[in-house]
PDB file of all heavy atoms in Angstrom:
ATOM      1  N   VAL A   1      79.073  97.791  93.644  1.00  0.00           N
ATOM      2  CA  VAL A   1      79.371  97.842  92.212  1.00  0.00           C
ATOM      3  C   VAL A   1      78.328  97.036  91.459  1.00  0.00           C
ATOM      4  O   VAL A   1      78.356  95.800  91.469  1.00  0.00           O
ATOM      5  CB  VAL A   1      80.788  97.302  91.896  1.00  0.00           C
ATOM      6  CG1 VAL A   1      81.047  97.333  90.393  1.00  0.00           C
ATOM      7  CG2 VAL A   1      81.854  98.084  92.645  1.00  0.00           C
ATOM      8  N   GLY A   2      77.355  97.723  90.864  1.00  0.00           N
ATOM      9  CA  GLY A   2      76.360  97.033  90.060  1.00  0.00           C
ATOM     10  C   GLY A   2      75.552  96.004  90.824  1.00  0.00           C
ATOM     11  O   GLY A   2      75.262  94.925  90.296  1.00  0.00           O
ATOM     12  N   GLY A   3      75.221  96.323  92.077  1.00  0.00           N
ATOM     13  CA  GLY A   3      74.416  95.393  92.864  1.00  0.00           C
ATOM     14  C   GLY A   3      75.234  94.380  93.634  1.00  0.00           C
ATOM     15  O   GLY A   3      74.672  93.569  94.385  1.00  0.00           O
ATOM     16  N   ARG A   4      76.554  94.403  93.499  1.00  0.00           N
ATOM     17  CA  ARG A   4      77.421  93.490  94.241  1.00  0.00           C
ATOM     18  C   ARG A   4      78.261  94.262  95.243  1.00  0.00           C
ATOM     19  O   ARG A   4      78.562  95.433  95.051  1.00  0.00           O
ATOM     20  CB  ARG A   4      78.355  92.733  93.291  1.00  0.00           C
ATOM     21  CG  ARG A   4      77.645  91.784  92.344  1.00  0.00           C
ATOM     22  CD  ARG A   4      78.678  90.952  91.578  1.00  0.00           C
ATOM     23  NE  ARG A   4      79.461  91.776  90.651  1.00  0.00           N
ATOM     24  CZ  ARG A   4      80.629  91.392  90.124  1.00  0.00           C
ATOM     25  NH1 ARG A   4      81.161  90.226  90.472  1.00  0.00           N
ATOM     26  NH2 ARG A   4      81.258  92.186  89.272  1.00  0.00           N
ATOM     27  N   GLU A   5      78.639  93.598  96.331  1.00  0.00           N
ATOM     28  CA  GLU A   5      79.557  94.167  97.305  1.00  0.00           C
ATOM     29  C   GLU A   5      80.926  93.551  97.054  1.00  0.00           C
ATOM     30  O   GLU A   5      81.122  92.347  97.269  1.00  0.00           O
ATOM     31  CB  GLU A   5      79.086  93.878  98.728  1.00  0.00           C
ATOM     32  CG  GLU A   5      77.772  94.540  99.105  1.00  0.00           C
ATOM     33  CD  GLU A   5      77.911  96.045  99.247  1.00  0.00           C
ATOM     34  OE1 GLU A   5      78.973  96.501  99.720  1.00  0.00           O
ATOM     35  OE2 GLU A   5      76.964  96.776  98.893  1.00  0.00           O
ATOM     36  N   LEU A   6      81.869  94.370  96.597  1.00  0.00           N
ATOM     37  CA  LEU A   6      83.197  93.863  96.253  1.00  0.00           C
ATOM     38  C   LEU A   6      84.239  94.408  97.220  1.00  0.00           C
ATOM     39  O   LEU A   6      84.206  95.597  97.568  1.00  0.00           O
ATOM     40  CB  LEU A   6      83.580  94.281  94.835  1.00  0.00           C
ATOM     41  CG  LEU A   6      82.729  93.743  93.676  1.00  0.00           C
ATOM     42  CD1 LEU A   6      83.276  94.274  92.350  1.00  0.00           C
ATOM     43  CD2 LEU A   6      82.724  92.218  93.683  1.00  0.00           C
ATOM     44  N   PRO A   7      85.181  93.570  97.670  1.00  0.00           N
ATOM     45  CA  PRO A   7      86.304  94.107  98.437  1.00  0.00           C
ATOM     46  C   PRO A   7      87.006  95.182  97.618  1.00  0.00           C
ATOM     47  O   PRO A   7      87.108  95.070  96.394  1.00  0.00           O
ATOM     48  CB  PRO A   7      87.214  92.891  98.647  1.00  0.00           C
ATOM     49  CG  PRO A   7      86.321  91.705  98.466  1.00  0.00           C
ATOM     50  CD  PRO A   7      85.283  92.111  97.471  1.00  0.00           C
ATOM     51  N   MET A   8      87.478  96.220  98.293  1.00  0.00           N
ATOM     52  CA  MET A   8      88.096  97.338  97.588  1.00  0.00           C
ATOM     53  C   MET A   8      89.186  96.869  96.629  1.00  0.00           C
ATOM     54  O   MET A   8      89.314  97.382  95.514  1.00  0.00           O
ATOM     55  CB  MET A   8      88.696  98.321  98.588  1.00  0.00           C
ATOM     56  CG  MET A   8      89.353  99.528  97.962  1.00  0.00           C
ATOM     57  SD  MET A   8      90.127 100.605  99.171  1.00  0.00           S
ATOM     58  CE  MET A   8      91.288  99.477  99.926  1.00  0.00           C
ATOM     59  N   ALA A   9      89.976  95.879  97.041  1.00  0.00           N
ATOM     60  CA  ALA A   9      91.078  95.401  96.202  1.00  0.00           C
ATOM     61  C   ALA A   9      90.594  94.885  94.855  1.00  0.00           C
ATOM     62  O   ALA A   9      91.311  94.978  93.855  1.00  0.00           O
ATOM     63  CB  ALA A   9      91.868  94.320  96.934  1.00  0.00           C
ATOM     64  N   GLU A  10      89.365  94.363  94.801  1.00  0.00           N
ATOM     65  CA  GLU A  10      88.831  93.833  93.545  1.00  0.00           C
ATOM     66  C   GLU A  10      88.332  94.921  92.610  1.00  0.00           C
ATOM     67  O   GLU A  10      87.976  94.642  91.465  1.00  0.00           O
ATOM     68  CB  GLU A  10      87.709  92.833  93.831  1.00  0.00           C
ATOM     69  CG  GLU A  10      88.195  91.553  94.494  1.00  0.00           C
ATOM     70  CD  GLU A  10      87.088  90.512  94.646  1.00  0.00           C
ATOM     71  OE1 GLU A  10      86.057  90.613  93.927  1.00  0.00           O
ATOM     72  OE2 GLU A  10      87.246  89.609  95.487  1.00  0.00           O
ATOM     73  N   THR A  11      88.303  96.165  93.078  1.00  0.00           N
ATOM     74  CA  THR A  11      87.902  97.274  92.202  1.00  0.00           C
ATOM     75  C   THR A  11      89.111  97.983  91.599  1.00  0.00           C
ATOM     76  O   THR A  11      88.951  98.906  90.811  1.00  0.00           O
ATOM     77  CB  THR A  11      87.043  98.306  92.960  1.00  0.00           C
ATOM     78  OG1 THR A  11      87.852  98.983  93.935  1.00  0.00           O
ATOM     79  CG2 THR A  11      85.862  97.637  93.644  1.00  0.00           C
ATOM     80  N   LEU A  12      90.308  97.564  91.974  1.00  0.00           N
ATOM     81  CA  LEU A  12      91.516  98.111  91.362  1.00  0.00           C
ATOM     82  C   LEU A  12      91.650  97.533  89.965  1.00  0.00           C
ATOM     83  O   LEU A  12      91.327  96.364  89.727  1.00  0.00           O
ATOM     84  CB  LEU A  12      92.744  97.776  92.201  1.00  0.00           C
ATOM     85  CG  LEU A  12      92.703  98.236  93.669  1.00  0.00           C
ATOM     86  CD1 LEU A  12      93.964  97.777  94.402  1.00  0.00           C
ATOM     87  CD2 LEU A  12      92.555  99.749  93.763  1.00  0.00           C
ATOM     88  N   VAL A  13      92.127  98.327  89.018  1.00  0.00           N
ATOM     89  CA  VAL A  13      92.173  97.929  87.601  1.00  0.00           C
ATOM     90  C   VAL A  13      90.792  97.369  87.238  1.00  0.00           C
ATOM     91  O   VAL A  13      90.663  96.252  86.735  1.00  0.00           O
ATOM     92  CB  VAL A  13      93.295  96.899  87.334  1.00  0.00           C
ATOM     93  CG1 VAL A  13      93.547  96.781  85.839  1.00  0.00           C
ATOM     94  CG2 VAL A  13      94.581  97.280  88.038  1.00  0.00           C
ATOM     95  N   GLY A  14      89.751  98.189  87.530  1.00  0.00           N
ATOM     96  CA  GLY A  14      88.373  97.696  87.459  1.00  0.00           C
ATOM     97  C   GLY A  14      87.562  98.178  86.284  1.00  0.00           C
ATOM     98  O   GLY A  14      86.330  98.155  86.343  1.00  0.00           O
ATOM     99  N   GLY A  15      88.210  98.616  85.198  1.00  0.00           N
ATOM    100  CA  GLY A  15      87.450  99.116  84.060  1.00  0.00           C
ATOM    101  C   GLY A  15      86.505  98.095  83.471  1.00  0.00           C
ATOM    102  O   GLY A  15      85.420  98.444  82.981  1.00  0.00           O
ATOM    103  N   ALA A  16      86.882  96.830  83.520  1.00  0.00           N
ATOM    104  CA  ALA A  16      86.032  95.783  82.952  1.00  0.00           C
ATOM    105  C   ALA A  16      84.721  95.622  83.710  1.00  0.00           C
ATOM    106  O   ALA A  16      83.775  95.012  83.200  1.00  0.00           O
ATOM    107  CB  ALA A  16      86.796  94.456  82.936  1.00  0.00           C
ATOM    108  N   LEU A  17      84.636  96.180  84.919  1.00  0.00           N
ATOM    109  CA  LEU A  17      83.410  96.079  85.716  1.00  0.00           C
ATOM    110  C   LEU A  17      82.347  97.082  85.286  1.00  0.00           C
ATOM    111  O   LEU A  17      81.199  96.983  85.711  1.00  0.00           O
ATOM    112  CB  LEU A  17      83.731  96.319  87.201  1.00  0.00           C
ATOM    113  CG  LEU A  17      84.700  95.344  87.882  1.00  0.00           C
ATOM    114  CD1 LEU A  17      85.086  95.880  89.252  1.00  0.00           C
ATOM    115  CD2 LEU A  17      84.058  93.962  88.003  1.00  0.00           C
ATOM    116  N   ILE A  18      82.712  98.058  84.434  1.00  0.00           N
ATOM    117  CA  ILE A  18      81.798  99.161  84.142  1.00  0.00           C
ATOM    118  C   ILE A  18      80.733  98.822  83.096  1.00  0.00           C
ATOM    119  O   ILE A  18      79.542  99.113  83.307  1.00  0.00           O
ATOM    120  CB  ILE A  18      82.594 100.416  83.710  1.00  0.00           C
ATOM    121  CG1 ILE A  18      83.537 100.843  84.838  1.00  0.00           C
ATOM    122  CG2 ILE A  18      81.650 101.556  83.343  1.00  0.00           C
ATOM    123  CD1 ILE A  18      84.443 102.009  84.479  1.00  0.00           C
ATOM    124  N   PRO A  19      81.076  98.241  81.933  1.00  0.00           N
ATOM    125  CA  PRO A  19      80.059  98.086  80.880  1.00  0.00           C
ATOM    126  C   PRO A  19      78.848  97.258  81.268  1.00  0.00           C
ATOM    127  O   PRO A  19      77.736  97.553  80.810  1.00  0.00           O
ATOM    128  CB  PRO A  19      80.846  97.422  79.741  1.00  0.00           C
ATOM    129  CG  PRO A  19      82.273  97.827  79.971  1.00  0.00           C
ATOM    130  CD  PRO A  19      82.418  97.843  81.451  1.00  0.00           C
ATOM    131  N   GLY A  20      79.010  96.254  82.107  1.00  0.00           N
ATOM    132  CA  GLY A  20      77.884  95.398  82.470  1.00  0.00           C
ATOM    133  C   GLY A  20      76.741  96.160  83.111  1.00  0.00           C
ATOM    134  O   GLY A  20      75.650  96.291  82.529  1.00  0.00           O
ATOM    135  N   PRO A  21      76.931  96.691  84.308  1.00  0.00           N
ATOM    136  CA  PRO A  21      75.855  97.467  84.950  1.00  0.00           C
ATOM    137  C   PRO A  21      75.616  98.814  84.281  1.00  0.00           C
ATOM    138  O   PRO A  21      74.516  99.365  84.376  1.00  0.00           O
ATOM    139  CB  PRO A  21      76.353  97.645  86.383  1.00  0.00           C
ATOM    140  CG  PRO A  21      77.820  97.449  86.325  1.00  0.00           C
ATOM    141  CD  PRO A  21      78.073  96.485  85.208  1.00  0.00           C
ATOM    142  N   GLY A  22      76.615  99.371  83.615  1.00  0.00           N
ATOM    143  CA  GLY A  22      76.462 100.662  82.947  1.00  0.00           C
ATOM    144  C   GLY A  22      76.867 101.823  83.833  1.00  0.00           C
ATOM    145  O   GLY A  22      76.850 101.736  85.067  1.00  0.00           O
ATOM    146  N   LEU A  23      77.216 102.917  83.200  1.00  0.00           N
ATOM    147  CA  LEU A  23      77.746 104.074  83.905  1.00  0.00           C
ATOM    148  C   LEU A  23      76.727 104.680  84.870  1.00  0.00           C
ATOM    149  O   LEU A  23      77.063 105.040  85.999  1.00  0.00           O
ATOM    150  CB  LEU A  23      78.198 105.121  82.879  1.00  0.00           C
ATOM    151  CG  LEU A  23      79.285 106.108  83.306  1.00  0.00           C
ATOM    152  CD1 LEU A  23      80.553 105.374  83.731  1.00  0.00           C
ATOM    153  CD2 LEU A  23      79.594 107.083  82.179  1.00  0.00           C
ATOM    154  N   GLY A  24      75.469 104.798  84.441  1.00  0.00           N
ATOM    155  CA  GLY A  24      74.453 105.397  85.296  1.00  0.00           C
ATOM    156  C   GLY A  24      74.260 104.623  86.583  1.00  0.00           C
ATOM    157  O   GLY A  24      74.188 105.198  87.675  1.00  0.00           O
ATOM    158  N   ARG A  25      74.163 103.301  86.494  1.00  0.00           N
ATOM    159  CA  ARG A  25      73.972 102.465  87.676  1.00  0.00           C
ATOM    160  C   ARG A  25      75.159 102.605  88.632  1.00  0.00           C
ATOM    161  O   ARG A  25      74.978 102.695  89.856  1.00  0.00           O
ATOM    162  CB  ARG A  25      73.808 100.999  87.250  1.00  0.00           C
ATOM    163  CG  ARG A  25      73.823  99.981  88.405  1.00  0.00           C
ATOM    164  CD  ARG A  25      72.616 100.152  89.316  1.00  0.00           C
ATOM    165  NE  ARG A  25      72.693  99.319  90.502  1.00  0.00           N
ATOM    166  CZ  ARG A  25      72.272  98.046  90.566  1.00  0.00           C
ATOM    167  NH1 ARG A  25      71.738  97.465  89.493  1.00  0.00           N
ATOM    168  NH2 ARG A  25      72.361  97.371  91.683  1.00  0.00           N
ATOM    169  N   LEU A  26      76.370 102.639  88.107  1.00  0.00           N
ATOM    170  CA  LEU A  26      77.547 102.708  88.965  1.00  0.00           C
ATOM    171  C   LEU A  26      77.659 104.065  89.657  1.00  0.00           C
ATOM    172  O   LEU A  26      78.070 104.141  90.822  1.00  0.00           O
ATOM    173  CB  LEU A  26      78.807 102.421  88.147  1.00  0.00           C
ATOM    174  CG  LEU A  26      78.920 100.985  87.627  1.00  0.00           C
ATOM    175  CD1 LEU A  26      80.169 100.823  86.785  1.00  0.00           C
ATOM    176  CD2 LEU A  26      78.919  99.975  88.772  1.00  0.00           C
TER     177      LEU A  26
END
């Protein structure tokens, strides 16, 4: 996710993770 390796559980309810790296990068 945006250059980071996140445990799957941390991507749940993960909308806030999108704007930083941007849609294309993700």
